[in-house]
Amino acid sequence: MLTLYAESPEHYHALLGAHPDLLVDFHKDNCPGCRMLEMSLAAFAATPQAEGLVLLKVKLEDVGEAFFRALGLRQTPTLSVVRGGHEIARLPGFQSPEHIAAAVARR
């Protein structure tokens, strides 16, 4: 699983347009749940379901709180599964590798 980092809201939108299958990790510094989610994402990355998927890391401190609010995000961490530029699943809070895999498997 390739990992990319959004550096600005414009960069985020450009990456959404450039990659058809994305798992987006919305997170922030000093977030215990975000650090725990990193372990789940690492375990998920080693599974066959992660092949061909791009992990897009979006940090609140880089893109701004107003951008997070505009996307309707209420907490970190939040994962979003995006296919063809459309969000098909949103997973707020800590998620197990199994929950991540189930969300990614949705079509």
C-alpha atoms as a PDB file:
ATOM      1  CA  MET A   1       0.000   0.000   0.000  1.00  0.00           C
ATOM      2  CA  LEU A   2       1.474   3.281  -1.148  1.00  0.00           C
ATOM      3  CA  THR A   3       1.341   6.111   1.429  1.00  0.00           C
ATOM      4  CA  LEU A   4       0.965   9.747   0.360  1.00  0.00           C
ATOM      5  CA  TYR A   5       0.708  12.912   2.461  1.00  0.00           C
ATOM      6  CA  ALA A   6      -1.602  15.853   1.715  1.00  0.00           C
ATOM      7  CA  GLU A   7       0.223  19.116   2.356  1.00  0.00           C
ATOM      8  CA  SER A   8      -2.722  21.469   1.749  1.00  0.00           C
ATOM      9  CA  PRO A   9      -6.418  21.348   0.877  1.00  0.00           C
ATOM     10  CA  GLU A  10      -5.509  21.842  -2.800  1.00  0.00           C
ATOM     11  CA  HIS A  11      -3.022  18.971  -2.654  1.00  0.00           C
ATOM     12  CA  TYR A  12      -5.696  16.774  -0.999  1.00  0.00           C
ATOM     13  CA  HIS A  13      -8.146  17.431  -3.861  1.00  0.00           C
ATOM     14  CA  ALA A  14      -5.447  16.828  -6.477  1.00  0.00           C
ATOM     15  CA  LEU A  15      -4.587  13.467  -4.902  1.00  0.00           C
ATOM     16  CA  LEU A  16      -8.276  12.486  -4.793  1.00  0.00           C
ATOM     17  CA  GLY A  17      -8.466  13.116  -8.520  1.00  0.00           C
ATOM     18  CA  ALA A  18      -5.232  11.266  -9.281  1.00  0.00           C
ATOM     19  CA  HIS A  19      -5.949   8.003  -7.432  1.00  0.00           C
ATOM     20  CA  PRO A  20      -9.130   5.943  -7.945  1.00  0.00           C
ATOM     21  CA  ASP A  21      -8.899   3.891  -4.723  1.00  0.00           C
ATOM     22  CA  LEU A  22      -7.942   5.702  -1.540  1.00  0.00           C
ATOM     23  CA  LEU A  23      -8.020   5.054   2.161  1.00  0.00           C
ATOM     24  CA  VAL A  24      -7.817   8.493   3.760  1.00  0.00           C
ATOM     25  CA  ASP A  25      -6.500   8.835   7.319  1.00  0.00           C
ATOM     26  CA  PHE A  26      -7.561  12.143   8.881  1.00  0.00           C
ATOM     27  CA  HIS A  27      -5.456  12.630  12.005  1.00  0.00           C
ATOM     28  CA  LYS A  28      -3.643  15.157  14.200  1.00  0.00           C
ATOM     29  CA  ASP A  29      -0.627  15.394  16.469  1.00  0.00           C
ATOM     30  CA  ASN A  30      -1.002  14.473  20.148  1.00  0.00           C
ATOM     31  CA  CYS A  31      -3.947  12.154  19.442  1.00  0.00           C
ATOM     32  CA  PRO A  32      -3.706   8.818  21.308  1.00  0.00           C
ATOM     33  CA  GLY A  33      -6.374   7.207  19.092  1.00  0.00           C
ATOM     34  CA  CYS A  34      -4.435   8.298  16.000  1.00  0.00           C
ATOM     35  CA  ARG A  35      -1.293   6.575  17.279  1.00  0.00           C
ATOM     36  CA  MET A  36      -3.279   3.402  18.003  1.00  0.00           C
ATOM     37  CA  LEU A  37      -4.806   3.511  14.517  1.00  0.00           C
ATOM     38  CA  GLU A  38      -1.290   3.545  13.040  1.00  0.00           C
ATOM     39  CA  MET A  39      -0.822  -0.013  14.345  1.00  0.00           C
ATOM     40  CA  SER A  40      -4.076  -1.142  12.719  1.00  0.00           C
ATOM     41  CA  LEU A  41      -3.134   0.507   9.433  1.00  0.00           C
ATOM     42  CA  ALA A  42       0.275  -1.210   9.496  1.00  0.00           C
ATOM     43  CA  ALA A  43      -1.387  -4.594  10.056  1.00  0.00           C
ATOM     44  CA  PHE A  44      -3.949  -3.909   7.322  1.00  0.00           C
ATOM     45  CA  ALA A  45      -1.202  -2.836   4.889  1.00  0.00           C
ATOM     46  CA  ALA A  46       0.235  -6.363   5.072  1.00  0.00           C
ATOM     47  CA  THR A  47      -3.015  -7.953   3.832  1.00  0.00           C
ATOM     48  CA  PRO A  48      -4.054  -8.746   0.240  1.00  0.00           C
ATOM     49  CA  GLN A  49      -6.962  -6.247   0.509  1.00  0.00           C
ATOM     50  CA  ALA A  50      -4.431  -3.407   0.741  1.00  0.00           C
ATOM     51  CA  GLU A  51      -2.829  -4.191  -2.635  1.00  0.00           C
ATOM     52  CA  GLY A  52      -3.380  -1.392  -5.136  1.00  0.00           C
ATOM     53  CA  LEU A  53      -4.849   0.882  -2.474  1.00  0.00           C
ATOM     54  CA  VAL A  54      -3.311   4.261  -1.670  1.00  0.00           C
ATOM     55  CA  LEU A  55      -3.230   5.487   1.933  1.00  0.00           C
ATOM     56  CA  LEU A  56      -3.606   9.265   2.004  1.00  0.00           C
ATOM     57  CA  LYS A  57      -2.543  10.805   5.314  1.00  0.00           C
ATOM     58  CA  VAL A  58      -4.189  14.170   6.038  1.00  0.00           C
ATOM     59  CA  LYS A  59      -2.947  15.931   9.172  1.00  0.00           C
ATOM     60  CA  LEU A  60      -5.133  18.643  10.711  1.00  0.00           C
ATOM     61  CA  GLU A  61      -2.103  20.785  11.517  1.00  0.00           C
ATOM     62  CA  ASP A  62      -1.095  20.792   7.815  1.00  0.00           C
ATOM     63  CA  VAL A  63      -4.457  21.463   6.152  1.00  0.00           C
ATOM     64  CA  GLY A  64      -6.240  23.449   8.867  1.00  0.00           C
ATOM     65  CA  GLU A  65      -9.209  22.901  11.131  1.00  0.00           C
ATOM     66  CA  ALA A  66     -11.556  24.837   8.826  1.00  0.00           C
ATOM     67  CA  PHE A  67     -10.840  22.309   6.057  1.00  0.00           C
ATOM     68  CA  PHE A  68     -11.610  19.380   8.402  1.00  0.00           C
ATOM     69  CA  ARG A  69     -14.891  21.035   9.434  1.00  0.00           C
ATOM     70  CA  ALA A  70     -15.825  21.698   5.787  1.00  0.00           C
ATOM     71  CA  LEU A  71     -15.505  17.946   5.144  1.00  0.00           C
ATOM     72  CA  GLY A  72     -17.856  17.253   8.052  1.00  0.00           C
ATOM     73  CA  LEU A  73     -15.167  15.678  10.220  1.00  0.00           C
ATOM     74  CA  ARG A  74     -15.990  15.740  13.907  1.00  0.00           C
ATOM     75  CA  GLN A  75     -13.150  13.728  15.399  1.00  0.00           C
ATOM     76  CA  THR A  76      -9.722  12.311  14.821  1.00  0.00           C
ATOM     77  CA  PRO A  77      -8.842   9.782  13.835  1.00  0.00           C
ATOM     78  CA  THR A  78     -11.316   9.259  11.026  1.00  0.00           C
ATOM     79  CA  LEU A  79     -10.800   6.963   8.063  1.00  0.00           C
ATOM     80  CA  SER A  80     -12.553   7.471   4.751  1.00  0.00           C
ATOM     81  CA  VAL A  81     -12.737   4.997   1.875  1.00  0.00           C
ATOM     82  CA  VAL A  82     -12.848   6.867  -1.442  1.00  0.00           C
ATOM     83  CA  ARG A  83     -13.555   5.263  -4.829  1.00  0.00           C
ATOM     84  CA  GLY A  84     -13.537   7.338  -7.988  1.00  0.00           C
ATOM     85  CA  GLY A  85     -13.571  10.573  -6.003  1.00  0.00           C
ATOM     86  CA  HIS A  86     -16.617   9.573  -3.917  1.00  0.00           C
ATOM     87  CA  GLU A  87     -16.589   8.622  -0.265  1.00  0.00           C
ATOM     88  CA  ILE A  88     -18.190   5.200   0.169  1.00  0.00           C
ATOM     89  CA  ALA A  89     -17.433   4.681   3.873  1.00  0.00           C
ATOM     90  CA  ARG A  90     -16.448   6.808   6.859  1.00  0.00           C
ATOM     91  CA  LEU A  91     -15.019   5.239  10.004  1.00  0.00           C
ATOM     92  CA  PRO A  92     -14.641   7.602  12.970  1.00  0.00           C
ATOM     93  CA  GLY A  93     -12.357   6.683  15.865  1.00  0.00           C
ATOM     94  CA  PHE A  94     -10.037   3.746  16.313  1.00  0.00           C
ATOM     95  CA  GLN A  95     -10.631   0.839  13.893  1.00  0.00           C
ATOM     96  CA  SER A  96      -9.280  -2.698  13.963  1.00  0.00           C
ATOM     97  CA  PRO A  97      -7.527  -4.095  10.872  1.00  0.00           C
ATOM     98  CA  GLU A  98     -10.618  -6.272  10.305  1.00  0.00           C
ATOM     99  CA  HIS A  99     -12.970  -3.265  10.323  1.00  0.00           C
ATOM    100  CA  ILE A 100     -10.691  -1.450   7.892  1.00  0.00           C
ATOM    101  CA  ALA A 101     -10.631  -4.479   5.569  1.00  0.00           C
ATOM    102  CA  ALA A 102     -14.443  -4.771   5.688  1.00  0.00           C
ATOM    103  CA  ALA A 103     -14.873  -1.093   4.792  1.00  0.00           C
ATOM    104  CA  VAL A 104     -12.376  -1.315   1.924  1.00  0.00           C
ATOM    105  CA  ALA A 105     -14.182  -4.407   0.576  1.00  0.00           C
ATOM    106  CA  ARG A 106     -17.441  -2.423   0.144  1.00  0.00           C
ATOM    107  CA  ARG A 107     -18.282  -1.532  -3.440  1.00  0.00           C
END
